[in-house]
C-alpha cells in the first residue's frame, strides 16, 4: 500500500489543529485552496472523510480525530528520532522562523557572534515576509510581531514596536525639517500594513496631520527603509530596529516622539521544547544581545538639533 506523503500529512495535521485551511496555509506558505486540495486528495486516497465542511466551519470527523492522534504521535517520534541521531553525531539543530525585518536588522548581522557563542548548534532559518504572529509547527522558535495573546505558546517579550519619522542625511541637508509643519508638501513613505501610520503618529504626538505632496506605501519594511535612505521621501520607520542605521548616520531621525503601537516582538515556542538545550541557549543569547544593543548609547539616534548640541 502506498503511504500518503509527509507533506500531505503535515497539511492535514495543521488544518486539524487549527480547524482552518487558511491558518494551515499561512503556516505552510501555500494558498488555502492548495491546502484544501491536498486534504481532499488525502481523503480520496484513504477512502474516508476526515473533515465536516460547513459554510464557515471545519470540524474533524470521528475518523479524522482518530487519524490526527496517530499522526501527531508519528511526527513526534520522527522528530525525536532525528534529534537523537544528530545528538549522537555531536550536533543539534535549532529551527528558527524570524520576521524578515527583525532578521535583516538584528539577527543576520549577529550570526557570526551567535556561531561563536554556540558552535555546536546548527541553524535552519526561515525569514517570512510579513512579521506575522503565526508560529509554524515545523519551527522550534519563532520571533514574531504580535499582541502576545497565544494560549498554546510560551512567549518572551523582546521590545515594543514603535515608529519615528526619518529621512536620509542628503534629503535633510537639502530640506531641513525641524517642525511638523515642514512635513507639508513632502513625500511620505509608509508601510502598507499600517497605512494610517502617519495619522496615528501625529495623533499620538498631539500634532496636526501633515499634508504631503504624495504618499508611497510599501508592502515590505526593508524596501521602505532602503527607499528612505535613498532620499525617496520621509519614512515612518521602526525606531528600535533602525538604531544601527541611526548610529551609522545612514538615516536621520527627525523628531523625538515615537508612536508606540499595541504590538511587540516576542520570542515564542511550544512548551514541550522549552527545556531543550539549544532552545535555552538561543533564548539566553538573544535576550543578552538585545539588552546590550538597547542599553548602548547612540548620539546618532538623536534629532539633528540634539546632535548639534552634543557636538
C-alpha atoms as a PDB file:
ATOM      1  CA  UNK A   1       0.000   0.000   0.000  1.00  0.00           C
ATOM      2  CA  UNK A   2       1.341   3.422  -0.962  1.00  0.00           C
ATOM      3  CA  UNK A   3       1.520   5.725   2.057  1.00  0.00           C
ATOM      4  CA  UNK A   4       0.479   9.409   1.938  1.00  0.00           C
ATOM      5  CA  UNK A   5       3.350  11.891   1.624  1.00  0.00           C
ATOM      6  CA  UNK A   6       4.608  13.639   4.742  1.00  0.00           C
ATOM      7  CA  UNK A   7       3.794  16.958   3.056  1.00  0.00           C
ATOM      8  CA  UNK A   8       0.132  15.952   2.764  1.00  0.00           C
ATOM      9  CA  UNK A   9       0.039  14.586   6.299  1.00  0.00           C
ATOM     10  CA  UNK A  10       1.561  17.827   7.624  1.00  0.00           C
ATOM     11  CA  UNK A  11      -1.149  19.826   5.841  1.00  0.00           C
ATOM     12  CA  UNK A  12      -3.797  17.617   7.447  1.00  0.00           C
ATOM     13  CA  UNK A  13      -2.177  17.977  10.874  1.00  0.00           C
ATOM     14  CA  UNK A  14      -2.063  21.771  10.733  1.00  0.00           C
ATOM     15  CA  UNK A  15      -5.581  22.107   9.336  1.00  0.00           C
ATOM     16  CA  UNK A  16      -6.915  19.744  12.002  1.00  0.00           C
ATOM     17  CA  UNK A  17      -5.114  21.576  14.822  1.00  0.00           C
ATOM     18  CA  UNK A  18      -6.430  24.998  13.788  1.00  0.00           C
ATOM     19  CA  UNK A  19      -9.768  23.916  12.277  1.00  0.00           C
ATOM     20  CA  UNK A  20      -8.872  26.212   9.384  1.00  0.00           C
ATOM     21  CA  UNK A  21      -7.447  25.678   5.912  1.00  0.00           C
ATOM     22  CA  UNK A  22      -6.473  29.361   5.877  1.00  0.00           C
ATOM     23  CA  UNK A  23      -4.376  29.104   9.047  1.00  0.00           C
ATOM     24  CA  UNK A  24      -2.722  25.909   7.841  1.00  0.00           C
ATOM     25  CA  UNK A  25      -1.971  27.597   4.518  1.00  0.00           C
ATOM     26  CA  UNK A  26      -0.245  30.542   6.214  1.00  0.00           C
ATOM     27  CA  UNK A  27       1.995  28.135   8.143  1.00  0.00           C
ATOM     28  CA  UNK A  28       2.878  26.173   5.025  1.00  0.00           C
ATOM     29  CA  UNK A  29       3.242  29.237   2.738  1.00  0.00           C
ATOM     30  CA  UNK A  30       0.504  27.892   0.474  1.00  0.00           C
ATOM     31  CA  UNK A  31      -2.912  29.146  -0.583  1.00  0.00           C
ATOM     32  CA  UNK A  32      -5.992  27.879   1.303  1.00  0.00           C
ATOM     33  CA  UNK A  33      -7.233  26.280  -1.913  1.00  0.00           C
ATOM     34  CA  UNK A  34      -3.961  24.334  -2.235  1.00  0.00           C
ATOM     35  CA  UNK A  35      -4.326  23.014   1.310  1.00  0.00           C
ATOM     36  CA  UNK A  36      -7.979  22.138   0.672  1.00  0.00           C
ATOM     37  CA  UNK A  37      -6.933  20.260  -2.485  1.00  0.00           C
ATOM     38  CA  UNK A  38      -4.273  18.306  -0.573  1.00  0.00           C
ATOM     39  CA  UNK A  39      -6.794  17.312   2.110  1.00  0.00           C
ATOM     40  CA  UNK A  40      -9.378  16.296  -0.477  1.00  0.00           C
ATOM     41  CA  UNK A  41      -6.777  14.149  -2.242  1.00  0.00           C
ATOM     42  CA  UNK A  42      -5.811  12.566   1.098  1.00  0.00           C
ATOM     43  CA  UNK A  43      -9.459  11.729   1.828  1.00  0.00           C
ATOM     44  CA  UNK A  44      -9.838  10.149  -1.603  1.00  0.00           C
ATOM     45  CA  UNK A  45      -6.631   8.189  -1.129  1.00  0.00           C
ATOM     46  CA  UNK A  46      -7.773   6.903   2.285  1.00  0.00           C
ATOM     47  CA  UNK A  47     -11.371   6.403   1.213  1.00  0.00           C
ATOM     48  CA  UNK A  48     -12.727   8.192   4.281  1.00  0.00           C
ATOM     49  CA  UNK A  49     -13.867  11.728   5.140  1.00  0.00           C
ATOM     50  CA  UNK A  50     -11.578  13.479   7.628  1.00  0.00           C
ATOM     51  CA  UNK A  51     -13.499  16.756   7.981  1.00  0.00           C
ATOM     52  CA  UNK A  52     -17.057  18.004   8.188  1.00  0.00           C
ATOM     53  CA  UNK A  53     -17.082  21.144   5.994  1.00  0.00           C
ATOM     54  CA  UNK A  54     -19.671  23.794   6.875  1.00  0.00           C
ATOM     55  CA  UNK A  55     -20.260  27.226   5.359  1.00  0.00           C
ATOM     56  CA  UNK A  56     -17.946  28.812   7.950  1.00  0.00           C
ATOM     57  CA  UNK A  57     -16.819  25.832   9.990  1.00  0.00           C
ATOM     58  CA  UNK A  58     -14.346  23.000   9.684  1.00  0.00           C
ATOM     59  CA  UNK A  59     -14.541  20.130  12.175  1.00  0.00           C
ATOM     60  CA  UNK A  60     -12.981  16.694  12.330  1.00  0.00           C
ATOM     61  CA  UNK A  61     -14.994  13.557  11.753  1.00  0.00           C
ATOM     62  CA  UNK A  62     -14.506  10.737  14.251  1.00  0.00           C
ATOM     63  CA  UNK A  63     -12.151   9.105  11.767  1.00  0.00           C
ATOM     64  CA  UNK A  64     -10.290  12.395  11.316  1.00  0.00           C
ATOM     65  CA  UNK A  65      -9.869  12.882  15.065  1.00  0.00           C
ATOM     66  CA  UNK A  66      -8.512   9.354  15.467  1.00  0.00           C
ATOM     67  CA  UNK A  67      -6.163   9.807  12.497  1.00  0.00           C
ATOM     68  CA  UNK A  68      -4.874  13.123  13.872  1.00  0.00           C
ATOM     69  CA  UNK A  69      -3.965  11.450  17.167  1.00  0.00           C
ATOM     70  CA  UNK A  70      -1.886   8.864  15.324  1.00  0.00           C
ATOM     71  CA  UNK A  71      -0.287  11.455  13.023  1.00  0.00           C
ATOM     72  CA  UNK A  72       0.723  13.636  15.989  1.00  0.00           C
ATOM     73  CA  UNK A  73       2.405  10.651  17.617  1.00  0.00           C
ATOM     74  CA  UNK A  74       4.239   9.675  14.434  1.00  0.00           C
ATOM     75  CA  UNK A  75       5.540  13.198  13.778  1.00  0.00           C
ATOM     76  CA  UNK A  76       6.661  13.458  17.386  1.00  0.00           C
ATOM     77  CA  UNK A  77       8.550  10.157  17.108  1.00  0.00           C
ATOM     78  CA  UNK A  78      10.114  11.210  13.792  1.00  0.00           C
ATOM     79  CA  UNK A  79      11.252  14.497  15.313  1.00  0.00           C
ATOM     80  CA  UNK A  80      12.681  12.729  18.368  1.00  0.00           C
ATOM     81  CA  UNK A  81      14.492  10.145  16.268  1.00  0.00           C
ATOM     82  CA  UNK A  82      16.031  12.861  14.085  1.00  0.00           C
ATOM     83  CA  UNK A  83      17.207  14.824  17.100  1.00  0.00           C
ATOM     84  CA  UNK A  84      18.670  11.729  18.760  1.00  0.00           C
ATOM     85  CA  UNK A  85      20.556  10.884  15.592  1.00  0.00           C
ATOM     86  CA  UNK A  86      22.017  14.380  15.415  1.00  0.00           C
ATOM     87  CA  UNK A  87      22.863  14.280  19.125  1.00  0.00           C
ATOM     88  CA  UNK A  88      24.809  11.019  18.656  1.00  0.00           C
ATOM     89  CA  UNK A  89      26.759  12.803  15.940  1.00  0.00           C
ATOM     90  CA  UNK A  90      27.512  15.584  18.418  1.00  0.00           C
ATOM     91  CA  UNK A  91      25.219  18.108  16.699  1.00  0.00           C
ATOM     92  CA  UNK A  92      21.864  19.700  17.456  1.00  0.00           C
ATOM     93  CA  UNK A  93      19.704  21.767  15.138  1.00  0.00           C
ATOM     94  CA  UNK A  94      17.574  24.769  16.011  1.00  0.00           C
ATOM     95  CA  UNK A  95      14.812  25.641  13.558  1.00  0.00           C
ATOM     96  CA  UNK A  96      14.118  29.363  13.612  1.00  0.00           C
ATOM     97  CA  UNK A  97      11.359  31.349  11.952  1.00  0.00           C
ATOM     98  CA  UNK A  98      12.103  35.051  12.131  1.00  0.00           C
ATOM     99  CA  UNK A  99      10.137  38.087  10.935  1.00  0.00           C
ATOM    100  CA  UNK A 100      12.047  39.366   7.904  1.00  0.00           C
ATOM    101  CA  UNK A 101      12.849  42.912   9.100  1.00  0.00           C
ATOM    102  CA  UNK A 102      13.968  41.628  12.506  1.00  0.00           C
ATOM    103  CA  UNK A 103      16.159  39.107  10.701  1.00  0.00           C
ATOM    104  CA  UNK A 104      17.802  41.664   8.397  1.00  0.00           C
ATOM    105  CA  UNK A 105      18.332  44.348  11.045  1.00  0.00           C
ATOM    106  CA  UNK A 106      19.166  42.344  14.153  1.00  0.00           C
ATOM    107  CA  UNK A 107      19.741  38.613  13.705  1.00  0.00           C
ATOM    108  CA  UNK A 108      21.708  38.328  10.458  1.00  0.00           C
ATOM    109  CA  UNK A 109      24.336  40.960  11.406  1.00  0.00           C
ATOM    110  CA  UNK A 110      24.957  38.914  14.585  1.00  0.00           C
ATOM    111  CA  UNK A 111      25.115  35.431  13.082  1.00  0.00           C
ATOM    112  CA  UNK A 112      28.889  35.266  13.464  1.00  0.00           C
ATOM    113  CA  UNK A 113      28.562  36.135  17.155  1.00  0.00           C
ATOM    114  CA  UNK A 114      25.833  33.503  17.561  1.00  0.00           C
ATOM    115  CA  UNK A 115      28.018  30.872  15.905  1.00  0.00           C
ATOM    116  CA  UNK A 116      30.960  31.793  18.128  1.00  0.00           C
ATOM    117  CA  UNK A 117      28.781  31.538  21.239  1.00  0.00           C
ATOM    118  CA  UNK A 118      27.118  28.252  20.198  1.00  0.00           C
ATOM    119  CA  UNK A 119      29.367  26.460  17.658  1.00  0.00           C
ATOM    120  CA  UNK A 120      27.758  23.065  18.320  1.00  0.00           C
ATOM    121  CA  UNK A 121      24.263  24.192  17.230  1.00  0.00           C
ATOM    122  CA  UNK A 122      23.248  24.082  13.564  1.00  0.00           C
ATOM    123  CA  UNK A 123      20.591  26.555  12.413  1.00  0.00           C
ATOM    124  CA  UNK A 124      17.735  26.370   9.950  1.00  0.00           C
ATOM    125  CA  UNK A 125      16.450  29.929   9.467  1.00  0.00           C
ATOM    126  CA  UNK A 126      13.194  30.793   7.741  1.00  0.00           C
ATOM    127  CA  UNK A 127      12.559  34.518   7.266  1.00  0.00           C
ATOM    128  CA  UNK A 128       8.910  35.143   6.483  1.00  0.00           C
ATOM    129  CA  UNK A 129       7.911  38.295   4.633  1.00  0.00           C
ATOM    130  CA  UNK A 130       5.369  39.875   6.935  1.00  0.00           C
ATOM    131  CA  UNK A 131       6.274  39.536  10.576  1.00  0.00           C
ATOM    132  CA  UNK A 132       3.097  37.546  11.086  1.00  0.00           C
ATOM    133  CA  UNK A 133       2.331  36.213  14.547  1.00  0.00           C
ATOM    134  CA  UNK A 134       1.984  32.603  13.339  1.00  0.00           C
ATOM    135  CA  UNK A 135       4.371  30.043  14.866  1.00  0.00           C
ATOM    136  CA  UNK A 136       4.564  27.148  12.383  1.00  0.00           C
ATOM    137  CA  UNK A 137       4.578  23.549  13.517  1.00  0.00           C
ATOM    138  CA  UNK A 138       7.962  22.852  11.917  1.00  0.00           C
ATOM    139  CA  UNK A 139       9.789  25.614  13.838  1.00  0.00           C
ATOM    140  CA  UNK A 140      11.343  25.278  17.284  1.00  0.00           C
ATOM    141  CA  UNK A 141      11.477  29.010  17.972  1.00  0.00           C
ATOM    142  CA  UNK A 142       9.858  31.963  16.229  1.00  0.00           C
ATOM    143  CA  UNK A 143      10.437  35.675  16.568  1.00  0.00           C
ATOM    144  CA  UNK A 144       7.168  37.310  15.684  1.00  0.00           C
ATOM    145  CA  UNK A 145       5.366  40.620  15.884  1.00  0.00           C
ATOM    146  CA  UNK A 146       2.073  40.408  17.752  1.00  0.00           C
ATOM    147  CA  UNK A 147      -0.014  41.192  20.807  1.00  0.00           C
ATOM    148  CA  UNK A 148       1.288  38.362  22.977  1.00  0.00           C
ATOM    149  CA  UNK A 149      -2.023  36.523  23.244  1.00  0.00           C
ATOM    150  CA  UNK A 150      -1.011  32.938  22.498  1.00  0.00           C
ATOM    151  CA  UNK A 151      -2.762  30.425  24.730  1.00  0.00           C
ATOM    152  CA  UNK A 152      -0.761  27.462  23.454  1.00  0.00           C
ATOM    153  CA  UNK A 153       2.724  29.021  23.357  1.00  0.00           C
ATOM    154  CA  UNK A 154       5.326  30.327  25.766  1.00  0.00           C
ATOM    155  CA  UNK A 155       6.108  33.934  24.831  1.00  0.00           C
ATOM    156  CA  UNK A 156       9.047  36.121  25.895  1.00  0.00           C
ATOM    157  CA  UNK A 157       8.534  39.810  25.129  1.00  0.00           C
ATOM    158  CA  UNK A 158      11.565  41.433  23.497  1.00  0.00           C
ATOM    159  CA  UNK A 159      10.524  45.064  22.888  1.00  0.00           C
ATOM    160  CA  UNK A 160       7.554  47.108  21.708  1.00  0.00           C
ATOM    161  CA  UNK A 161       7.148  48.173  18.084  1.00  0.00           C
ATOM    162  CA  UNK A 162       7.454  51.953  17.770  1.00  0.00           C
ATOM    163  CA  UNK A 163       7.707  54.214  14.735  1.00  0.00           C
ATOM    164  CA  UNK A 164       9.514  57.503  14.160  1.00  0.00           C
ATOM    165  CA  UNK A 165       9.893  59.839  11.146  1.00  0.00           C
ATOM    166  CA  UNK A 166      13.298  59.709   9.466  1.00  0.00           C
ATOM    167  CA  UNK A 167      14.993  60.698   6.221  1.00  0.00           C
ATOM    168  CA  UNK A 168      18.376  60.467   4.561  1.00  0.00           C
ATOM    169  CA  UNK A 169      21.107  62.941   5.593  1.00  0.00           C
ATOM    170  CA  UNK A 170      21.203  64.145   1.963  1.00  0.00           C
ATOM    171  CA  UNK A 171      17.490  64.956   1.936  1.00  0.00           C
ATOM    172  CA  UNK A 172      17.804  66.710   5.298  1.00  0.00           C
ATOM    173  CA  UNK A 173      20.700  68.784   4.004  1.00  0.00           C
ATOM    174  CA  UNK A 174      18.537  69.951   1.090  1.00  0.00           C
ATOM    175  CA  UNK A 175      15.363  70.431   3.128  1.00  0.00           C
ATOM    176  CA  UNK A 176      15.964  70.840   6.873  1.00  0.00           C
ATOM    177  CA  UNK A 177      12.937  69.685   8.869  1.00  0.00           C
ATOM    178  CA  UNK A 178      12.603  70.839  12.460  1.00  0.00           C
ATOM    179  CA  UNK A 179       8.827  71.187  12.858  1.00  0.00           C
ATOM    180  CA  UNK A 180       5.755  69.179  11.923  1.00  0.00           C
ATOM    181  CA  UNK A 181       4.630  71.957   9.559  1.00  0.00           C
ATOM    182  CA  UNK A 182       7.741  71.417   7.443  1.00  0.00           C
ATOM    183  CA  UNK A 183       6.460  67.955   6.545  1.00  0.00           C
ATOM    184  CA  UNK A 184       3.742  69.613   4.463  1.00  0.00           C
ATOM    185  CA  UNK A 185       4.416  69.148   0.757  1.00  0.00           C
ATOM    186  CA  UNK A 186       6.904  66.316   1.332  1.00  0.00           C
ATOM    187  CA  UNK A 187       6.692  62.756   0.024  1.00  0.00           C
ATOM    188  CA  UNK A 188       5.776  60.479   2.924  1.00  0.00           C
ATOM    189  CA  UNK A 189       6.657  56.767   2.916  1.00  0.00           C
ATOM    190  CA  UNK A 190       4.550  54.307   4.877  1.00  0.00           C
ATOM    191  CA  UNK A 191       4.215  50.564   5.462  1.00  0.00           C
ATOM    192  CA  UNK A 192       1.249  49.007   3.646  1.00  0.00           C
ATOM    193  CA  UNK A 193       0.141  47.084   6.746  1.00  0.00           C
ATOM    194  CA  UNK A 194      -0.066  50.371   8.690  1.00  0.00           C
ATOM    195  CA  UNK A 195      -1.401  52.757   6.064  1.00  0.00           C
ATOM    196  CA  UNK A 196      -2.733  55.055   8.785  1.00  0.00           C
ATOM    197  CA  UNK A 197       0.705  55.210  10.388  1.00  0.00           C
ATOM    198  CA  UNK A 198       1.315  58.921   9.779  1.00  0.00           C
ATOM    199  CA  UNK A 199      -2.142  59.752  11.142  1.00  0.00           C
ATOM    200  CA  UNK A 200      -1.509  57.613  14.229  1.00  0.00           C
ATOM    201  CA  UNK A 201       1.936  59.127  14.791  1.00  0.00           C
ATOM    202  CA  UNK A 202       0.578  62.705  14.557  1.00  0.00           C
ATOM    203  CA  UNK A 203      -2.373  61.863  16.800  1.00  0.00           C
ATOM    204  CA  UNK A 204      -0.165  60.278  19.456  1.00  0.00           C
ATOM    205  CA  UNK A 205       2.081  63.376  19.375  1.00  0.00           C
ATOM    206  CA  UNK A 206      -0.987  65.672  19.573  1.00  0.00           C
ATOM    207  CA  UNK A 207       0.085  67.370  16.354  1.00  0.00           C
ATOM    208  CA  UNK A 208      -1.739  68.369  13.194  1.00  0.00           C
ATOM    209  CA  UNK A 209      -1.549  65.764  10.456  1.00  0.00           C
ATOM    210  CA  UNK A 210       0.932  66.777   7.721  1.00  0.00           C
ATOM    211  CA  UNK A 211      -0.381  67.491   4.207  1.00  0.00           C
ATOM    212  CA  UNK A 212       2.003  65.533   1.973  1.00  0.00           C
ATOM    213  CA  UNK A 213       2.690  66.126  -1.698  1.00  0.00           C
ATOM    214  CA  UNK A 214       2.250  62.395  -2.174  1.00  0.00           C
ATOM    215  CA  UNK A 215       2.367  59.107  -0.273  1.00  0.00           C
ATOM    216  CA  UNK A 216       4.141  55.901  -1.230  1.00  0.00           C
ATOM    217  CA  UNK A 217       3.143  52.658   0.507  1.00  0.00           C
ATOM    218  CA  UNK A 218       5.462  49.630   0.678  1.00  0.00           C
ATOM    219  CA  UNK A 219       4.420  46.072   1.447  1.00  0.00           C
ATOM    220  CA  UNK A 220       7.917  45.310   2.711  1.00  0.00           C
ATOM    221  CA  UNK A 221       9.573  47.203   5.563  1.00  0.00           C
ATOM    222  CA  UNK A 222      13.105  46.598   4.290  1.00  0.00           C
ATOM    223  CA  UNK A 223      12.178  48.235   0.979  1.00  0.00           C
ATOM    224  CA  UNK A 224      10.650  51.203   2.789  1.00  0.00           C
ATOM    225  CA  UNK A 225      13.802  51.757   4.842  1.00  0.00           C
ATOM    226  CA  UNK A 226      16.067  51.426   1.798  1.00  0.00           C
ATOM    227  CA  UNK A 227      13.898  53.931  -0.090  1.00  0.00           C
ATOM    228  CA  UNK A 228      14.172  56.323   2.858  1.00  0.00           C
ATOM    229  CA  UNK A 229      17.962  56.008   2.848  1.00  0.00           C
ATOM    230  CA  UNK A 230      17.979  56.804  -0.876  1.00  0.00           C
ATOM    231  CA  UNK A 231      16.074  60.068  -0.398  1.00  0.00           C
ATOM    232  CA  UNK A 232      12.802  58.840  -1.934  1.00  0.00           C
ATOM    233  CA  UNK A 233      10.906  60.579   0.846  1.00  0.00           C
ATOM    234  CA  UNK A 234      10.407  60.763   4.582  1.00  0.00           C
ATOM    235  CA  UNK A 235       9.770  57.345   6.064  1.00  0.00           C
ATOM    236  CA  UNK A 236       7.860  56.318   9.145  1.00  0.00           C
ATOM    237  CA  UNK A 237      10.171  53.546  10.259  1.00  0.00           C
ATOM    238  CA  UNK A 238      10.588  51.151  13.217  1.00  0.00           C
ATOM    239  CA  UNK A 239      12.599  53.065  15.801  1.00  0.00           C
ATOM    240  CA  UNK A 240      14.274  50.238  17.736  1.00  0.00           C
ATOM    241  CA  UNK A 241      15.280  48.061  14.787  1.00  0.00           C
ATOM    242  CA  UNK A 242      16.650  51.102  12.925  1.00  0.00           C
ATOM    243  CA  UNK A 243      19.009  52.046  15.767  1.00  0.00           C
ATOM    244  CA  UNK A 244      22.117  50.844  13.929  1.00  0.00           C
ATOM    245  CA  UNK A 245      21.174  52.929  10.880  1.00  0.00           C
ATOM    246  CA  UNK A 246      20.888  55.997  13.109  1.00  0.00           C
ATOM    247  CA  UNK A 247      24.279  55.202  14.641  1.00  0.00           C
ATOM    248  CA  UNK A 248      25.829  54.766  11.199  1.00  0.00           C
ATOM    249  CA  UNK A 249      24.150  58.022  10.090  1.00  0.00           C
ATOM    250  CA  UNK A 250      22.598  56.440   7.019  1.00  0.00           C
ATOM    251  CA  UNK A 251      19.295  57.736   8.424  1.00  0.00           C
ATOM    252  CA  UNK A 252      18.492  60.950  10.232  1.00  0.00           C
ATOM    253  CA  UNK A 253      15.870  60.823  12.939  1.00  0.00           C
ATOM    254  CA  UNK A 254      13.652  63.913  12.661  1.00  0.00           C
ATOM    255  CA  UNK A 255      11.676  64.000  15.932  1.00  0.00           C
ATOM    256  CA  UNK A 256      11.920  62.654  19.464  1.00  0.00           C
ATOM    257  CA  UNK A 257       8.358  61.405  19.576  1.00  0.00           C
ATOM    258  CA  UNK A 258       7.728  57.743  18.769  1.00  0.00           C
ATOM    259  CA  UNK A 259       4.343  56.218  18.063  1.00  0.00           C
ATOM    260  CA  UNK A 260       4.089  53.107  20.227  1.00  0.00           C
ATOM    261  CA  UNK A 261       1.829  50.501  18.677  1.00  0.00           C
ATOM    262  CA  UNK A 262      -0.045  47.753  20.514  1.00  0.00           C
ATOM    263  CA  UNK A 263       2.345  45.140  19.094  1.00  0.00           C
ATOM    264  CA  UNK A 264       5.697  43.905  20.361  1.00  0.00           C
ATOM    265  CA  UNK A 265       8.322  41.493  19.149  1.00  0.00           C
ATOM    266  CA  UNK A 266       8.191  38.184  21.000  1.00  0.00           C
ATOM    267  CA  UNK A 267      10.282  35.058  21.098  1.00  0.00           C
ATOM    268  CA  UNK A 268       7.792  32.174  21.152  1.00  0.00           C
ATOM    269  CA  UNK A 269       7.968  28.409  21.336  1.00  0.00           C
ATOM    270  CA  UNK A 270       5.828  25.490  22.412  1.00  0.00           C
ATOM    271  CA  UNK A 271       6.038  24.285  25.990  1.00  0.00           C
ATOM    272  CA  UNK A 272       7.419  20.882  25.039  1.00  0.00           C
ATOM    273  CA  UNK A 273      10.613  22.372  23.561  1.00  0.00           C
ATOM    274  CA  UNK A 274      11.239  24.888  26.363  1.00  0.00           C
ATOM    275  CA  UNK A 275      13.865  22.760  28.128  1.00  0.00           C
ATOM    276  CA  UNK A 276      15.806  21.679  25.032  1.00  0.00           C
ATOM    277  CA  UNK A 277      19.430  22.840  25.438  1.00  0.00           C
ATOM    278  CA  UNK A 278      19.519  24.558  22.033  1.00  0.00           C
ATOM    279  CA  UNK A 279      16.291  26.473  22.756  1.00  0.00           C
ATOM    280  CA  UNK A 280      17.518  27.528  26.211  1.00  0.00           C
ATOM    281  CA  UNK A 281      20.885  28.605  24.789  1.00  0.00           C
ATOM    282  CA  UNK A 282      19.385  30.639  21.948  1.00  0.00           C
ATOM    283  CA  UNK A 283      16.828  32.317  24.221  1.00  0.00           C
ATOM    284  CA  UNK A 284      19.575  33.309  26.676  1.00  0.00           C
ATOM    285  CA  UNK A 285      21.831  34.571  23.873  1.00  0.00           C
ATOM    286  CA  UNK A 286      19.256  36.754  22.145  1.00  0.00           C
ATOM    287  CA  UNK A 287      17.992  38.302  25.395  1.00  0.00           C
ATOM    288  CA  UNK A 288      21.566  39.230  26.328  1.00  0.00           C
ATOM    289  CA  UNK A 289      22.267  40.616  22.839  1.00  0.00           C
ATOM    290  CA  UNK A 290      19.118  42.723  22.949  1.00  0.00           C
ATOM    291  CA  UNK A 291      19.956  44.099  26.380  1.00  0.00           C
ATOM    292  CA  UNK A 292      23.414  45.113  25.173  1.00  0.00           C
ATOM    293  CA  UNK A 293      22.035  46.680  21.963  1.00  0.00           C
ATOM    294  CA  UNK A 294      19.225  48.599  23.660  1.00  0.00           C
ATOM    295  CA  UNK A 295      21.381  49.837  26.544  1.00  0.00           C
ATOM    296  CA  UNK A 296      24.129  51.135  24.249  1.00  0.00           C
ATOM    297  CA  UNK A 297      24.073  54.957  23.939  1.00  0.00           C
ATOM    298  CA  UNK A 298      23.637  56.312  20.443  1.00  0.00           C
ATOM    299  CA  UNK A 299      24.147  60.025  19.807  1.00  0.00           C
ATOM    300  CA  UNK A 300      23.356  59.404  16.157  1.00  0.00           C
ATOM    301  CA  UNK A 301      19.850  58.356  17.234  1.00  0.00           C
ATOM    302  CA  UNK A 302      19.220  61.950  18.283  1.00  0.00           C
ATOM    303  CA  UNK A 303      17.403  64.509  16.219  1.00  0.00           C
ATOM    304  CA  UNK A 304      19.649  66.816  14.170  1.00  0.00           C
ATOM    305  CA  UNK A 305      19.251  69.666  16.662  1.00  0.00           C
ATOM    306  CA  UNK A 306      20.290  67.401  19.559  1.00  0.00           C
ATOM    307  CA  UNK A 307      23.297  66.154  17.596  1.00  0.00           C
ATOM    308  CA  UNK A 308      24.462  69.727  17.087  1.00  0.00           C
ATOM    309  CA  UNK A 309      24.244  70.292  20.826  1.00  0.00           C
ATOM    310  CA  UNK A 310      26.120  67.073  21.577  1.00  0.00           C
ATOM    311  CA  UNK A 311      28.859  68.002  19.134  1.00  0.00           C
END
